[in-house]
Amino acid sequence: MLLKTIIVLLFIAVVISLFSGLGFLVKDLGNSKRRLLFALGLRISLAALLMGTVIYGAYTGQLSSKAPWDRQLHPEATTPYPLNTPPKQ
């Protein structure tokens, strides 16, 4: 649960950094783009941390997929479908 919380917080931080960069782009028309480049560097660092955290979680097994199309990964989660039974009336 802690890993999922860290992932959500990192994602929120990336989105905040994205909008702060947008604000710097709009406010600093013609001025130095120093704040914009700092926001870009911060966003790249946060995205790298986010990707590393997701990869770590998948590698250690703390994050797993339970999507219906992953039947090969989770055969115990699927229910067998009877093929040759007559329909119930």
PDB file of N, CA and C in Angstrom:
ATOM      1  N   MET A   1       0.824  -1.195   0.000  1.00  0.00           N
ATOM      2  CA  MET A   1       0.000   0.000   0.000  1.00  0.00           C
ATOM      3  C   MET A   1       0.866   1.255   0.000  1.00  0.00           C
ATOM      4  N   LEU A   2       2.008   1.184   0.672  1.00  0.00           N
ATOM      5  CA  LEU A   2       2.909   2.335   0.712  1.00  0.00           C
ATOM      6  C   LEU A   2       3.450   2.654  -0.680  1.00  0.00           C
ATOM      7  N   LEU A   3       3.759   1.617  -1.445  1.00  0.00           N
ATOM      8  CA  LEU A   3       4.292   1.822  -2.784  1.00  0.00           C
ATOM      9  C   LEU A   3       3.256   2.501  -3.688  1.00  0.00           C
ATOM     10  N   LYS A   4       2.008   2.102  -3.573  1.00  0.00           N
ATOM     11  CA  LYS A   4       0.957   2.727  -4.379  1.00  0.00           C
ATOM     12  C   LYS A   4       0.762   4.192  -3.991  1.00  0.00           C
ATOM     13  N   THR A   5       0.888   4.490  -2.715  1.00  0.00           N
ATOM     14  CA  THR A   5       0.780   5.878  -2.255  1.00  0.00           C
ATOM     15  C   THR A   5       1.922   6.716  -2.816  1.00  0.00           C
ATOM     16  N   ILE A   6       3.130   6.157  -2.816  1.00  0.00           N
ATOM     17  CA  ILE A   6       4.278   6.874  -3.377  1.00  0.00           C
ATOM     18  C   ILE A   6       4.070   7.126  -4.868  1.00  0.00           C
ATOM     19  N   ILE A   7       3.540   6.148  -5.573  1.00  0.00           N
ATOM     20  CA  ILE A   7       3.290   6.309  -7.012  1.00  0.00           C
ATOM     21  C   ILE A   7       2.263   7.409  -7.271  1.00  0.00           C
ATOM     22  N   VAL A   8       1.193   7.430  -6.489  1.00  0.00           N
ATOM     23  CA  VAL A   8       0.168   8.466  -6.660  1.00  0.00           C
ATOM     24  C   VAL A   8       0.746   9.845  -6.351  1.00  0.00           C
ATOM     25  N   LEU A   9       1.535   9.958  -5.291  1.00  0.00           N
ATOM     26  CA  LEU A   9       2.138  11.250  -4.946  1.00  0.00           C
ATOM     27  C   LEU A   9       3.113  11.724  -6.021  1.00  0.00           C
ATOM     28  N   LEU A  10       3.906  10.803  -6.558  1.00  0.00           N
ATOM     29  CA  LEU A  10       4.818  11.185  -7.643  1.00  0.00           C
ATOM     30  C   LEU A  10       4.052  11.625  -8.886  1.00  0.00           C
ATOM     31  N   PHE A  11       2.962  10.937  -9.202  1.00  0.00           N
ATOM     32  CA  PHE A  11       2.155  11.324 -10.359  1.00  0.00           C
ATOM     33  C   PHE A  11       1.555  12.715 -10.159  1.00  0.00           C
ATOM     34  N   ILE A  12       1.045  12.989  -8.960  1.00  0.00           N
ATOM     35  CA  ILE A  12       0.487  14.311  -8.675  1.00  0.00           C
ATOM     36  C   ILE A  12       1.573  15.378  -8.780  1.00  0.00           C
ATOM     37  N   ALA A  13       2.788  15.066  -8.305  1.00  0.00           N
ATOM     38  CA  ALA A  13       3.895  16.019  -8.394  1.00  0.00           C
ATOM     39  C   ALA A  13       4.275  16.287  -9.847  1.00  0.00           C
ATOM     40  N   VAL A  14       4.227  15.274 -10.699  1.00  0.00           N
ATOM     41  CA  VAL A  14       4.530  15.467 -12.125  1.00  0.00           C
ATOM     42  C   VAL A  14       3.481  16.384 -12.754  1.00  0.00           C
ATOM     43  N   VAL A  15       2.213  16.179 -12.428  1.00  0.00           N
ATOM     44  CA  VAL A  15       1.154  17.021 -12.993  1.00  0.00           C
ATOM     45  C   VAL A  15       1.284  18.460 -12.497  1.00  0.00           C
ATOM     46  N   ILE A  16       1.607  18.649 -11.216  1.00  0.00           N
ATOM     47  CA  ILE A  16       1.806  20.003 -10.682  1.00  0.00           C
ATOM     48  C   ILE A  16       2.984  20.675 -11.374  1.00  0.00           C
ATOM     49  N   SER A  17       4.068  19.923 -11.583  1.00  0.00           N
ATOM     50  CA  SER A  17       5.226  20.479 -12.271  1.00  0.00           C
ATOM     51  C   SER A  17       4.888  20.846 -13.721  1.00  0.00           C
ATOM     52  N   LEU A  18       4.048  20.037 -14.344  1.00  0.00           N
ATOM     53  CA  LEU A  18       3.624  20.327 -15.710  1.00  0.00           C
ATOM     54  C   LEU A  18       2.866  21.652 -15.772  1.00  0.00           C
ATOM     55  N   PHE A  19       1.936  21.850 -14.856  1.00  0.00           N
ATOM     56  CA  PHE A  19       1.165  23.096 -14.867  1.00  0.00           C
ATOM     57  C   PHE A  19       1.982  24.295 -14.406  1.00  0.00           C
ATOM     58  N   SER A  20       2.949  24.081 -13.520  1.00  0.00           N
ATOM     59  CA  SER A  20       3.810  25.199 -13.149  1.00  0.00           C
ATOM     60  C   SER A  20       4.676  25.612 -14.337  1.00  0.00           C
ATOM     61  N   GLY A  21       5.145  24.645 -15.111  1.00  0.00           N
ATOM     62  CA  GLY A  21       5.894  24.977 -16.324  1.00  0.00           C
ATOM     63  C   GLY A  21       5.045  25.739 -17.321  1.00  0.00           C
ATOM     64  N   LEU A  22       3.769  25.357 -17.438  1.00  0.00           N
ATOM     65  CA  LEU A  22       2.853  26.093 -18.311  1.00  0.00           C
ATOM     66  C   LEU A  22       2.686  27.530 -17.823  1.00  0.00           C
ATOM     67  N   GLY A  23       2.555  27.690 -16.522  1.00  0.00           N
ATOM     68  CA  GLY A  23       2.435  29.039 -15.964  1.00  0.00           C
ATOM     69  C   GLY A  23       3.682  29.875 -16.213  1.00  0.00           C
ATOM     70  N   PHE A  24       4.860  29.266 -16.062  1.00  0.00           N
ATOM     71  CA  PHE A  24       6.105  29.986 -16.322  1.00  0.00           C
ATOM     72  C   PHE A  24       6.222  30.342 -17.799  1.00  0.00           C
ATOM     73  N   LEU A  25       5.756  29.457 -18.680  1.00  0.00           N
ATOM     74  CA  LEU A  25       5.811  29.728 -20.112  1.00  0.00           C
ATOM     75  C   LEU A  25       4.938  30.921 -20.475  1.00  0.00           C
ATOM     76  N   VAL A  26       3.774  31.011 -19.848  1.00  0.00           N
ATOM     77  CA  VAL A  26       2.856  32.108 -20.155  1.00  0.00           C
ATOM     78  C   VAL A  26       3.326  33.414 -19.518  1.00  0.00           C
ATOM     79  N   LYS A  27       3.811  33.364 -18.271  1.00  0.00           N
ATOM     80  CA  LYS A  27       4.205  34.591 -17.565  1.00  0.00           C
ATOM     81  C   LYS A  27       5.521  35.163 -18.049  1.00  0.00           C
ATOM     82  N   ASP A  28       6.447  34.320 -18.426  1.00  0.00           N
ATOM     83  CA  ASP A  28       7.794  34.776 -18.769  1.00  0.00           C
ATOM     84  C   ASP A  28       7.974  34.955 -20.272  1.00  0.00           C
ATOM     85  N   LEU A  29       7.025  35.555 -20.947  1.00  0.00           N
ATOM     86  CA  LEU A  29       7.152  35.790 -22.384  1.00  0.00           C
ATOM     87  C   LEU A  29       8.286  36.772 -22.647  1.00  0.00           C
ATOM     88  N   GLY A  30       9.326  36.410 -23.289  1.00  0.00           N
ATOM     89  CA  GLY A  30      10.407  37.334 -23.596  1.00  0.00           C
ATOM     90  C   GLY A  30      11.483  37.398 -22.536  1.00  0.00           C
ATOM     91  N   ASN A  31      11.196  37.022 -21.307  1.00  0.00           N
ATOM     92  CA  ASN A  31      12.212  36.991 -20.253  1.00  0.00           C
ATOM     93  C   ASN A  31      13.008  35.698 -20.357  1.00  0.00           C
ATOM     94  N   SER A  32      13.937  35.541 -19.464  1.00  0.00           N
ATOM     95  CA  SER A  32      14.738  34.322 -19.425  1.00  0.00           C
ATOM     96  C   SER A  32      13.847  33.117 -19.115  1.00  0.00           C
ATOM     97  N   LYS A  33      14.151  32.022 -19.730  1.00  0.00           N
ATOM     98  CA  LYS A  33      13.354  30.800 -19.540  1.00  0.00           C
ATOM     99  C   LYS A  33      13.955  29.925 -18.437  1.00  0.00           C
ATOM    100  N   ARG A  34      14.602  30.540 -17.463  1.00  0.00           N
ATOM    101  CA  ARG A  34      15.280  29.781 -16.415  1.00  0.00           C
ATOM    102  C   ARG A  34      14.296  28.985 -15.564  1.00  0.00           C
ATOM    103  N   ARG A  35      13.210  29.617 -15.181  1.00  0.00           N
ATOM    104  CA  ARG A  35      12.219  28.906 -14.352  1.00  0.00           C
ATOM    105  C   ARG A  35      11.561  27.784 -15.141  1.00  0.00           C
ATOM    106  N   LEU A  36      11.332  27.999 -16.428  1.00  0.00           N
ATOM    107  CA  LEU A  36      10.738  26.974 -17.273  1.00  0.00           C
ATOM    108  C   LEU A  36      11.671  25.766 -17.395  1.00  0.00           C
ATOM    109  N   LEU A  37      12.960  26.013 -17.580  1.00  0.00           N
ATOM    110  CA  LEU A  37      13.912  24.916 -17.676  1.00  0.00           C
ATOM    111  C   LEU A  37      14.053  24.179 -16.357  1.00  0.00           C
ATOM    112  N   PHE A  38      13.968  24.900 -15.251  1.00  0.00           N
ATOM    113  CA  PHE A  38      14.014  24.250 -13.940  1.00  0.00           C
ATOM    114  C   PHE A  38      12.791  23.355 -13.754  1.00  0.00           C
ATOM    115  N   ALA A  39      11.624  23.838 -14.154  1.00  0.00           N
ATOM    116  CA  ALA A  39      10.409  23.020 -14.050  1.00  0.00           C
ATOM    117  C   ALA A  39      10.504  21.799 -14.957  1.00  0.00           C
ATOM    118  N   LEU A  40      11.105  21.954 -16.130  1.00  0.00           N
ATOM    119  CA  LEU A  40      11.286  20.822 -17.033  1.00  0.00           C
ATOM    120  C   LEU A  40      12.227  19.782 -16.423  1.00  0.00           C
ATOM    121  N   GLY A  41      13.332  20.245 -15.861  1.00  0.00           N
ATOM    122  CA  GLY A  41      14.272  19.327 -15.212  1.00  0.00           C
ATOM    123  C   GLY A  41      13.645  18.608 -14.030  1.00  0.00           C
ATOM    124  N   LEU A  42      12.855  19.325 -13.261  1.00  0.00           N
ATOM    125  CA  LEU A  42      12.165  18.716 -12.129  1.00  0.00           C
ATOM    126  C   LEU A  42      11.153  17.687 -12.607  1.00  0.00           C
ATOM    127  N   ARG A  43      10.424  18.011 -13.682  1.00  0.00           N
ATOM    128  CA  ARG A  43       9.432  17.082 -14.215  1.00  0.00           C
ATOM    129  C   ARG A  43      10.086  15.818 -14.773  1.00  0.00           C
ATOM    130  N   ILE A  44      11.225  15.969 -15.434  1.00  0.00           N
ATOM    131  CA  ILE A  44      11.941  14.801 -15.953  1.00  0.00           C
ATOM    132  C   ILE A  44      12.442  13.935 -14.798  1.00  0.00           C
ATOM    133  N   SER A  45      12.944  14.554 -13.754  1.00  0.00           N
ATOM    134  CA  SER A  45      13.429  13.798 -12.593  1.00  0.00           C
ATOM    135  C   SER A  45      12.283  13.061 -11.907  1.00  0.00           C
ATOM    136  N   LEU A  46      11.163  13.743 -11.736  1.00  0.00           N
ATOM    137  CA  LEU A  46      10.006  13.103 -11.097  1.00  0.00           C
ATOM    138  C   LEU A  46       9.461  11.959 -11.954  1.00  0.00           C
ATOM    139  N   ALA A  47       9.446  12.147 -13.276  1.00  0.00           N
ATOM    140  CA  ALA A  47       8.963  11.084 -14.159  1.00  0.00           C
ATOM    141  C   ALA A  47       9.901   9.878 -14.124  1.00  0.00           C
ATOM    142  N   ALA A  48      11.209  10.131 -14.040  1.00  0.00           N
ATOM    143  CA  ALA A  48      12.157   9.025 -13.938  1.00  0.00           C
ATOM    144  C   ALA A  48      11.971   8.278 -12.616  1.00  0.00           C
ATOM    145  N   LEU A  49      11.756   9.017 -11.536  1.00  0.00           N
ATOM    146  CA  LEU A  49      11.473   8.380 -10.245  1.00  0.00           C
ATOM    147  C   LEU A  49      10.184   7.575 -10.291  1.00  0.00           C
ATOM    148  N   LEU A  50       9.173   8.125 -10.944  1.00  0.00           N
ATOM    149  CA  LEU A  50       7.898   7.425 -11.074  1.00  0.00           C
ATOM    150  C   LEU A  50       8.060   6.132 -11.859  1.00  0.00           C
ATOM    151  N   MET A  51       8.758   6.192 -12.972  1.00  0.00           N
ATOM    152  CA  MET A  51       8.975   4.984 -13.771  1.00  0.00           C
ATOM    153  C   MET A  51       9.806   3.963 -13.001  1.00  0.00           C
ATOM    154  N   GLY A  52      10.832   4.425 -12.302  1.00  0.00           N
ATOM    155  CA  GLY A  52      11.645   3.515 -11.505  1.00  0.00           C
ATOM    156  C   GLY A  52      10.846   2.856 -10.400  1.00  0.00           C
ATOM    157  N   THR A  53       9.945   3.602  -9.779  1.00  0.00           N
ATOM    158  CA  THR A  53       9.107   3.053  -8.711  1.00  0.00           C
ATOM    159  C   THR A  53       8.141   2.005  -9.256  1.00  0.00           C
ATOM    160  N   VAL A  54       7.554   2.276 -10.414  1.00  0.00           N
ATOM    161  CA  VAL A  54       6.638   1.305 -11.021  1.00  0.00           C
ATOM    162  C   VAL A  54       7.396   0.039 -11.429  1.00  0.00           C
ATOM    163  N   ILE A  55       8.572   0.193 -12.010  1.00  0.00           N
ATOM    164  CA  ILE A  55       9.369  -0.972 -12.397  1.00  0.00           C
ATOM    165  C   ILE A  55       9.781  -1.767 -11.168  1.00  0.00           C
ATOM    166  N   TYR A  56      10.188  -1.083 -10.108  1.00  0.00           N
ATOM    167  CA  TYR A  56      10.548  -1.762  -8.864  1.00  0.00           C
ATOM    168  C   TYR A  56       9.351  -2.530  -8.300  1.00  0.00           C
ATOM    169  N   GLY A  57       8.192  -1.912  -8.304  1.00  0.00           N
ATOM    170  CA  GLY A  57       6.996  -2.569  -7.780  1.00  0.00           C
ATOM    171  C   GLY A  57       6.604  -3.783  -8.599  1.00  0.00           C
ATOM    172  N   ALA A  58       6.737  -3.691  -9.917  1.00  0.00           N
ATOM    173  CA  ALA A  58       6.412  -4.841 -10.766  1.00  0.00           C
ATOM    174  C   ALA A  58       7.446  -5.948 -10.594  1.00  0.00           C
ATOM    175  N   TYR A  59       8.711  -5.581 -10.439  1.00  0.00           N
ATOM    176  CA  TYR A  59       9.775  -6.572 -10.289  1.00  0.00           C
ATOM    177  C   TYR A  59       9.662  -7.327  -8.965  1.00  0.00           C
ATOM    178  N   THR A  60       9.325  -6.614  -7.897  1.00  0.00           N
ATOM    179  CA  THR A  60       9.223  -7.258  -6.591  1.00  0.00           C
ATOM    180  C   THR A  60       7.889  -7.942  -6.363  1.00  0.00           C
ATOM    181  N   GLY A  61       6.919  -7.707  -7.252  1.00  0.00           N
ATOM    182  CA  GLY A  61       5.620  -8.353  -7.120  1.00  0.00           C
ATOM    183  C   GLY A  61       4.630  -7.574  -6.278  1.00  0.00           C
ATOM    184  N   GLN A  62       4.985  -6.382  -5.835  1.00  0.00           N
ATOM    185  CA  GLN A  62       4.059  -5.568  -5.048  1.00  0.00           C
ATOM    186  C   GLN A  62       2.972  -4.963  -5.923  1.00  0.00           C
ATOM    187  N   LEU A  63       3.267  -4.772  -7.198  1.00  0.00           N
ATOM    188  CA  LEU A  63       2.274  -4.297  -8.163  1.00  0.00           C
ATOM    189  C   LEU A  63       1.988  -5.433  -9.128  1.00  0.00           C
ATOM    190  N   SER A  64       0.739  -5.725  -9.303  1.00  0.00           N
ATOM    191  CA  SER A  64       0.381  -6.776 -10.244  1.00  0.00           C
ATOM    192  C   SER A  64      -0.864  -6.355 -11.011  1.00  0.00           C
ATOM    193  N   SER A  65      -1.035  -6.968 -12.153  1.00  0.00           N
ATOM    194  CA  SER A  65      -2.173  -6.659 -13.002  1.00  0.00           C
ATOM    195  C   SER A  65      -3.272  -7.680 -12.762  1.00  0.00           C
ATOM    196  N   LYS A  66      -4.476  -7.208 -12.574  1.00  0.00           N
ATOM    197  CA  LYS A  66      -5.629  -8.086 -12.434  1.00  0.00           C
ATOM    198  C   LYS A  66      -6.664  -7.778 -13.515  1.00  0.00           C
ATOM    199  N   ALA A  67      -6.162  -7.325 -14.652  1.00  0.00           N
ATOM    200  CA  ALA A  67      -7.037  -6.992 -15.766  1.00  0.00           C
ATOM    201  C   ALA A  67      -7.589  -8.269 -16.385  1.00  0.00           C
ATOM    202  N   PRO A  68      -8.805  -8.219 -16.901  1.00  0.00           N
ATOM    203  CA  PRO A  68      -9.403  -9.425 -17.483  1.00  0.00           C
ATOM    204  C   PRO A  68      -8.648  -9.964 -18.688  1.00  0.00           C
ATOM    205  N   TRP A  69      -7.911  -9.125 -19.396  1.00  0.00           N
ATOM    206  CA  TRP A  69      -7.193  -9.586 -20.579  1.00  0.00           C
ATOM    207  C   TRP A  69      -5.851 -10.210 -20.223  1.00  0.00           C
ATOM    208  N   ASP A  70      -5.501 -10.286 -18.948  1.00  0.00           N
ATOM    209  CA  ASP A  70      -4.257 -10.919 -18.511  1.00  0.00           C
ATOM    210  C   ASP A  70      -4.504 -12.328 -17.996  1.00  0.00           C
ATOM    211  N   ARG A  71      -5.259 -13.114 -18.708  1.00  0.00           N
ATOM    212  CA  ARG A  71      -5.571 -14.463 -18.254  1.00  0.00           C
ATOM    213  C   ARG A  71      -4.332 -15.346 -18.229  1.00  0.00           C
ATOM    214  N   GLN A  72      -3.375 -15.064 -19.095  1.00  0.00           N
ATOM    215  CA  GLN A  72      -2.154 -15.850 -19.090  1.00  0.00           C
ATOM    216  C   GLN A  72      -1.357 -15.600 -17.814  1.00  0.00           C
ATOM    217  N   LEU A  73      -1.435 -14.376 -17.307  1.00  0.00           N
ATOM    218  CA  LEU A  73      -0.702 -14.050 -16.091  1.00  0.00           C
ATOM    219  C   LEU A  73      -1.425 -14.514 -14.838  1.00  0.00           C
ATOM    220  N   HIS A  74      -2.765 -14.575 -14.885  1.00  0.00           N
ATOM    221  CA  HIS A  74      -3.570 -14.932 -13.709  1.00  0.00           C
ATOM    222  C   HIS A  74      -4.586 -16.005 -14.069  1.00  0.00           C
ATOM    223  N   PRO A  75      -4.166 -17.219 -14.336  1.00  0.00           N
ATOM    224  CA  PRO A  75      -5.160 -18.242 -14.697  1.00  0.00           C
ATOM    225  C   PRO A  75      -6.066 -18.612 -13.538  1.00  0.00           C
ATOM    226  N   GLU A  76      -5.637 -18.395 -12.295  1.00  0.00           N
ATOM    227  CA  GLU A  76      -6.483 -18.726 -11.152  1.00  0.00           C
ATOM    228  C   GLU A  76      -7.639 -17.743 -10.980  1.00  0.00           C
ATOM    229  N   ALA A  77      -7.558 -16.583 -11.599  1.00  0.00           N
ATOM    230  CA  ALA A  77      -8.596 -15.571 -11.456  1.00  0.00           C
ATOM    231  C   ALA A  77      -9.690 -15.719 -12.507  1.00  0.00           C
ATOM    232  N   THR A  78      -9.518 -16.607 -13.447  1.00  0.00           N
ATOM    233  CA  THR A  78     -10.519 -16.772 -14.495  1.00  0.00           C
ATOM    234  C   THR A  78     -11.486 -17.889 -14.122  1.00  0.00           C
ATOM    235  N   THR A  79     -12.689 -17.783 -14.598  1.00  0.00           N
ATOM    236  CA  THR A  79     -13.673 -18.841 -14.385  1.00  0.00           C
ATOM    237  C   THR A  79     -13.829 -19.614 -15.683  1.00  0.00           C
ATOM    238  N   PRO A  80     -13.824 -20.920 -15.603  1.00  0.00           N
ATOM    239  CA  PRO A  80     -13.949 -21.697 -16.840  1.00  0.00           C
ATOM    240  C   PRO A  80     -15.328 -21.534 -17.442  1.00  0.00           C
ATOM    241  N   TYR A  81     -15.380 -21.470 -18.739  1.00  0.00           N
ATOM    242  CA  TYR A  81     -16.632 -21.313 -19.453  1.00  0.00           C
ATOM    243  C   TYR A  81     -16.996 -22.666 -20.080  1.00  0.00           C
ATOM    244  N   PRO A  82     -18.110 -23.271 -19.703  1.00  0.00           N
ATOM    245  CA  PRO A  82     -18.469 -24.573 -20.278  1.00  0.00           C
ATOM    246  C   PRO A  82     -18.867 -24.418 -21.744  1.00  0.00           C
ATOM    247  N   LEU A  83     -18.248 -25.213 -22.587  1.00  0.00           N
ATOM    248  CA  LEU A  83     -18.475 -25.074 -24.014  1.00  0.00           C
ATOM    249  C   LEU A  83     -19.659 -25.871 -24.531  1.00  0.00           C
ATOM    250  N   ASN A  84     -19.832 -27.113 -24.081  1.00  0.00           N
ATOM    251  CA  ASN A  84     -20.822 -27.993 -24.676  1.00  0.00           C
ATOM    252  C   ASN A  84     -22.005 -28.255 -23.748  1.00  0.00           C
ATOM    253  N   THR A  85     -22.450 -27.298 -23.030  1.00  0.00           N
ATOM    254  CA  THR A  85     -23.620 -27.498 -22.165  1.00  0.00           C
ATOM    255  C   THR A  85     -24.810 -26.772 -22.765  1.00  0.00           C
ATOM    256  N   PRO A  86     -25.965 -27.352 -22.670  1.00  0.00           N
ATOM    257  CA  PRO A  86     -27.166 -26.677 -23.213  1.00  0.00           C
ATOM    258  C   PRO A  86     -27.517 -25.458 -22.355  1.00  0.00           C
ATOM    259  N   PRO A  87     -28.089 -24.452 -22.943  1.00  0.00           N
ATOM    260  CA  PRO A  87     -28.473 -23.251 -22.169  1.00  0.00           C
ATOM    261  C   PRO A  87     -29.586 -23.574 -21.181  1.00  0.00           C
ATOM    262  N   LYS A  88     -29.569 -22.889 -20.059  1.00  0.00           N
ATOM    263  CA  LYS A  88     -30.597 -23.076 -19.023  1.00  0.00           C
ATOM    264  C   LYS A  88     -31.897 -22.406 -19.462  1.00  0.00           C
ATOM    265  N   GLN A  89     -33.008 -23.061 -19.123  1.00  0.00           N
ATOM    266  CA  GLN A  89     -34.289 -22.506 -19.543  1.00  0.00           C
ATOM    267  C   GLN A  89     -35.140 -22.121 -18.385  1.00  0.00           C
TER     268      GLN A  89
END
